[in-house]
Amino acid sequence: MNFAKSMATCLSMLSLALFAKPVFAEGLSFATVDLVPYVLHDDPGGRLGLMVDIDNAIAERMGIPVADEVLPMARAIKNLERGLTDCVVIALTPWSESKFQPVAKILNRFDAAIITREGLSITRIEDIHGLRLAITRGSFADSPISSDPNITQVPTNGYEQSVRLFKAGRVDAVAGSELSIFYYFAAEQISREDIGGILPIIHASLWLHCAKGQVPDEVILRLQETTNKLRAEGVFTRLLKRYIPDDFS
């Protein structure tokens, strides 16, 4: 009787192991948003991009293969909605919480901000009334800065152009993702002493999200545990420092 029970237990454990193995053997599909510095193409220093580094760190620690597809923002989100992609690292918002499954926090701060030129302090949006603000086309559609008639908007094609206008003195301030702006500050050799102030206007944190009902619960748990450990060990913070200057991190 005991032998029969032991055999039954062994067979049960074996079947569970065999069933669970393909979940990890097949790996996961990640989407990475094709924006600098989340993804870098032909970087002289061989860097792949912050989000690529984050995805790789999670995959390596878990010991599973991850297919990382670089996509425009709209398509990355659409693929996650349709279940064509398993996971993506994006800002945590009420919208993302309703559409996807937040798994684990990556970075505490993932803010958008207004950054002013040297000598110009800023503690509120009104401080740039009557001044020129570089802002990427299509961004901040629901923000007061995009509709404030007292701000002279200077539309740009992206953060690189915004920062170059800022460095050349053709605008008084630049608005956008702190991470992207700071990356281009480093590229243009702009230090903390070269700017006036930083006013966060959108507060967010960076999270790993997965498609709802797409990834098995046991894999979600592994992703959560792995990501939390990497964050606690400071791995993500060290990766971040590869892309932005120390005085801005």
Protein backbone atom coordinates (compact mmCIF):
# COMPACT_ATOMS: atom_id res chain seq x y z
CA MET A 1 0.00 0.00 0.00
CA ASN A 2 2.81 2.39 0.95
CA PHE A 3 4.66 1.40 -2.23
CA ALA A 4 1.58 2.20 -4.30
CA LYS A 5 1.22 5.58 -2.64
CA SER A 6 4.89 6.35 -3.20
CA MET A 7 4.64 5.42 -6.87
CA ALA A 8 1.54 7.56 -7.26
CA THR A 9 3.30 10.53 -5.66
CA CYS A 10 6.37 10.10 -7.88
CA LEU A 11 4.27 9.83 -11.01
CA SER A 12 2.30 12.90 -9.99
CA MET A 13 5.46 14.94 -9.42
CA LEU A 14 6.95 13.69 -12.69
CA SER A 15 3.85 14.65 -14.65
CA LEU A 16 3.86 18.12 -13.09
CA ALA A 17 7.53 18.56 -13.97
CA LEU A 18 6.96 17.44 -17.52
CA PHE A 19 3.95 19.71 -17.82
CA ALA A 20 5.73 22.75 -16.41
CA LYS A 21 8.91 22.39 -18.43
CA PRO A 22 7.57 23.61 -21.79
CA VAL A 23 6.37 26.85 -20.19
CA PHE A 24 9.98 27.88 -19.66
CA ALA A 25 11.48 25.96 -22.56
CA GLU A 26 9.35 27.92 -25.02
CA GLY A 27 10.49 31.19 -23.46
CA LEU A 28 8.70 34.52 -23.46
CA SER A 29 8.22 37.26 -26.01
CA PHE A 30 9.02 40.81 -24.94
CA ALA A 31 8.35 44.01 -26.86
CA THR A 32 10.77 46.90 -26.48
CA VAL A 33 9.69 50.40 -27.47
CA ASP A 34 11.93 51.79 -30.21
CA LEU A 35 12.87 55.07 -28.55
CA VAL A 36 16.25 56.37 -27.38
CA PRO A 37 17.68 55.39 -24.93
CA TYR A 38 15.31 52.45 -24.43
CA VAL A 39 16.83 50.96 -27.59
CA LEU A 40 20.08 52.06 -29.22
CA HIS A 41 21.11 51.24 -32.77
CA ASP A 42 24.83 51.13 -33.65
CA ASP A 43 25.92 52.68 -30.36
CA PRO A 44 29.70 53.40 -30.45
CA GLY A 45 30.03 51.99 -26.94
CA GLY A 46 28.17 48.81 -27.80
CA ARG A 47 25.20 49.60 -25.56
CA LEU A 48 21.92 48.04 -26.63
CA GLY A 49 19.53 50.31 -24.76
CA LEU A 50 18.13 50.48 -21.25
CA MET A 51 14.99 48.41 -21.86
CA VAL A 52 16.95 45.77 -23.78
CA ASP A 53 19.39 45.56 -20.86
CA ILE A 54 16.50 45.22 -18.40
CA ASP A 55 14.83 42.47 -20.42
CA ASN A 56 18.13 40.61 -20.74
CA ALA A 57 18.83 40.89 -17.00
CA ILE A 58 15.45 39.36 -16.16
CA ALA A 59 15.84 36.58 -18.74
CA GLU A 60 19.37 35.70 -17.64
CA ARG A 61 18.44 35.57 -13.96
CA MET A 62 15.40 33.39 -14.69
CA GLY A 63 17.39 31.19 -17.05
CA ILE A 64 14.81 31.25 -19.82
CA PRO A 65 15.00 32.37 -23.45
CA VAL A 66 13.35 35.71 -24.24
CA ALA A 67 12.60 36.91 -27.75
CA ASP A 68 12.90 40.71 -27.61
CA GLU A 69 11.20 42.49 -30.52
CA VAL A 70 11.87 46.19 -31.05
CA LEU A 71 8.67 47.97 -32.06
CA PRO A 72 7.16 51.46 -32.29
CA MET A 73 5.22 52.39 -29.15
CA ALA A 74 1.76 52.03 -30.71
CA ARG A 75 2.50 48.61 -32.16
CA ALA A 76 4.15 47.33 -28.97
CA ILE A 77 1.04 48.24 -26.99
CA LYS A 78 -1.29 46.82 -29.64
CA ASN A 79 0.63 43.52 -29.73
CA LEU A 80 0.37 43.24 -25.95
CA GLU A 81 -3.37 43.93 -26.10
CA ARG A 82 -3.82 41.22 -28.73
CA GLY A 83 -1.67 38.67 -26.94
CA LEU A 84 0.96 38.67 -29.69
CA THR A 85 3.54 39.74 -27.11
CA ASP A 86 3.83 38.39 -23.58
CA CYS A 87 5.41 41.29 -21.70
CA VAL A 88 6.68 44.86 -21.98
CA VAL A 89 8.37 47.37 -19.69
CA ILE A 90 6.41 50.64 -19.60
CA ALA A 91 5.30 53.34 -17.16
CA LEU A 92 2.66 52.29 -14.65
CA THR A 93 -0.51 54.32 -15.16
CA PRO A 94 -4.21 53.79 -14.37
CA TRP A 95 -4.65 52.97 -18.06
CA SER A 96 -1.86 50.35 -18.10
CA GLU A 97 -3.27 48.78 -14.92
CA SER A 98 -6.68 48.41 -16.53
CA LYS A 99 -5.37 46.99 -19.82
CA PHE A 100 -2.49 44.76 -18.70
CA GLN A 101 -1.18 42.83 -15.71
CA PRO A 102 1.41 44.83 -13.74
CA VAL A 103 3.98 42.30 -12.55
CA ALA A 104 6.79 44.12 -10.74
CA LYS A 105 8.38 47.53 -10.35
CA ILE A 106 11.62 48.20 -12.25
CA LEU A 107 12.45 51.81 -11.29
CA ASN A 108 10.82 54.12 -8.76
CA ARG A 109 11.05 57.23 -10.93
CA PHE A 110 10.08 57.48 -14.56
CA ASP A 111 8.93 61.10 -14.63
CA ALA A 112 8.26 63.65 -17.32
CA ALA A 113 9.54 67.13 -16.57
CA ILE A 114 10.21 70.65 -17.75
CA ILE A 115 13.90 71.57 -17.63
CA THR A 116 14.96 75.21 -17.90
CA ARG A 117 18.08 76.93 -19.13
CA GLU A 118 20.86 78.09 -16.82
CA GLY A 119 19.79 80.98 -14.62
CA LEU A 120 16.06 80.28 -14.95
CA SER A 121 14.53 78.60 -11.91
CA ILE A 122 11.19 76.82 -12.10
CA THR A 123 8.80 75.71 -9.36
CA ARG A 124 5.53 75.88 -11.33
CA ILE A 125 4.43 75.95 -14.96
CA GLU A 126 3.67 79.67 -14.76
CA ASP A 127 7.41 80.32 -14.41
CA ILE A 128 7.85 79.71 -18.14
CA HIS A 129 4.99 81.97 -19.25
CA GLY A 130 6.20 84.13 -22.11
CA LEU A 131 9.11 81.80 -22.77
CA ARG A 132 9.95 79.27 -25.49
CA LEU A 133 9.41 75.59 -24.71
CA ALA A 134 10.75 72.79 -26.92
CA ILE A 135 8.21 69.98 -26.99
CA THR A 136 8.11 66.85 -29.14
CA ARG A 137 5.21 66.79 -31.58
CA GLY A 138 2.28 64.73 -30.34
CA SER A 139 3.41 64.65 -26.72
CA PHE A 140 1.57 66.02 -23.68
CA ALA A 141 -1.75 66.08 -25.52
CA ASP A 142 -3.67 66.09 -22.22
CA SER A 143 -1.25 68.29 -20.30
CA PRO A 144 -1.74 72.00 -19.53
CA ILE A 145 1.59 72.83 -21.15
CA SER A 146 0.25 71.86 -24.58
CA SER A 147 -2.74 74.20 -24.33
CA ASP A 148 -1.37 77.07 -22.23
CA PRO A 149 -1.58 80.17 -24.48
CA ASN A 150 1.09 81.92 -22.40
CA ILE A 151 3.77 79.39 -23.37
CA THR A 152 5.43 79.70 -26.76
CA GLN A 153 5.66 76.12 -27.98
CA VAL A 154 8.50 75.15 -30.29
CA PRO A 155 7.46 71.78 -31.80
CA THR A 156 10.32 69.37 -32.52
CA ASN A 157 10.74 65.99 -34.20
CA GLY A 158 12.14 64.37 -31.07
CA TYR A 159 14.29 64.74 -27.98
CA GLU A 160 17.54 65.01 -29.88
CA GLN A 161 16.33 68.11 -31.73
CA SER A 162 14.80 69.55 -28.55
CA VAL A 163 18.07 69.24 -26.64
CA ARG A 164 20.12 70.72 -29.49
CA LEU A 165 17.80 73.75 -29.61
CA PHE A 166 18.16 74.00 -25.83
CA LYS A 167 21.96 73.88 -26.01
CA ALA A 168 22.01 76.48 -28.79
CA GLY A 169 19.92 78.86 -26.69
CA ARG A 170 17.02 78.88 -29.14
CA VAL A 171 14.55 77.75 -26.46
CA ASP A 172 14.31 78.54 -22.76
CA ALA A 173 13.15 75.11 -21.65
CA VAL A 174 12.56 71.57 -22.84
CA ALA A 175 9.78 69.18 -21.82
CA GLY A 176 9.57 65.41 -21.94
CA SER A 177 10.78 62.17 -20.40
CA GLU A 178 13.58 62.89 -17.93
CA LEU A 179 15.39 59.74 -18.99
CA SER A 180 15.42 60.65 -22.69
CA ILE A 181 16.36 64.28 -22.07
CA PHE A 182 19.16 63.37 -19.66
CA TYR A 183 20.52 60.85 -22.17
CA TYR A 184 20.79 63.55 -24.83
CA PHE A 185 22.23 65.96 -22.27
CA ALA A 186 25.07 63.47 -21.83
CA ALA A 187 25.51 63.22 -25.60
CA GLU A 188 25.69 67.03 -25.86
CA GLN A 189 27.91 67.31 -22.76
CA ILE A 190 25.33 69.32 -20.82
CA SER A 191 25.90 69.01 -17.06
CA ARG A 192 23.71 69.81 -14.06
CA GLU A 193 25.47 73.17 -13.75
CA ASP A 194 24.39 74.07 -17.30
CA ILE A 195 20.67 74.05 -16.52
CA GLY A 196 18.36 76.09 -14.31
CA GLY A 197 15.72 73.88 -12.72
CA ILE A 198 13.76 70.67 -13.12
CA LEU A 199 9.99 70.63 -12.62
CA PRO A 200 8.42 67.15 -12.68
CA ILE A 201 4.97 67.42 -14.28
CA ILE A 202 4.07 63.74 -14.58
CA HIS A 203 5.08 61.30 -11.85
CA ALA A 204 5.35 57.64 -12.79
CA SER A 205 7.29 54.48 -12.04
CA LEU A 206 8.58 51.93 -14.53
CA TRP A 207 7.00 48.47 -14.35
CA LEU A 208 7.10 45.11 -16.05
CA HIS A 209 3.64 44.44 -17.51
CA CYS A 210 2.32 41.25 -19.09
CA ALA A 211 -0.74 40.55 -21.22
CA LYS A 212 -3.74 39.56 -19.14
CA GLY A 213 -4.37 35.82 -19.21
CA GLN A 214 -1.44 35.26 -21.55
CA VAL A 215 1.34 34.15 -19.22
CA PRO A 216 0.82 31.20 -16.81
CA ASP A 217 0.53 32.12 -13.13
CA GLU A 218 3.68 30.22 -12.20
CA VAL A 219 5.66 32.18 -14.77
CA ILE A 220 4.19 35.48 -13.55
CA LEU A 221 5.31 34.54 -10.05
CA ARG A 222 8.84 33.76 -11.27
CA LEU A 223 8.95 37.06 -13.17
CA GLN A 224 7.78 38.93 -10.10
CA GLU A 225 10.28 37.29 -7.76
CA THR A 226 13.16 37.72 -10.19
CA THR A 227 12.39 41.36 -10.96
CA ASN A 228 11.99 42.25 -7.29
CA LYS A 229 15.34 40.64 -6.45
CA LEU A 230 17.13 42.44 -9.28
CA ARG A 231 15.66 45.76 -8.17
CA ALA A 232 16.60 45.14 -4.52
CA GLU A 233 20.16 44.30 -5.59
CA GLY A 234 20.41 47.61 -7.45
CA VAL A 235 20.85 45.96 -10.85
CA PHE A 236 18.35 48.20 -12.64
CA THR A 237 19.78 51.35 -11.07
CA ARG A 238 23.26 50.38 -12.26
CA LEU A 239 21.92 49.78 -15.77
CA LEU A 240 20.27 53.22 -15.70
CA LYS A 241 23.59 54.87 -14.87
CA ARG A 242 24.99 53.56 -18.16
CA TYR A 243 22.66 55.91 -20.02
CA ILE A 244 22.39 59.12 -18.00
CA PRO A 245 25.03 61.28 -16.27
CA ASP A 246 25.69 60.71 -12.58
CA ASP A 247 24.62 64.24 -11.66
CA PHE A 248 21.17 63.61 -13.16
CA SER A 249 20.63 60.09 -11.78
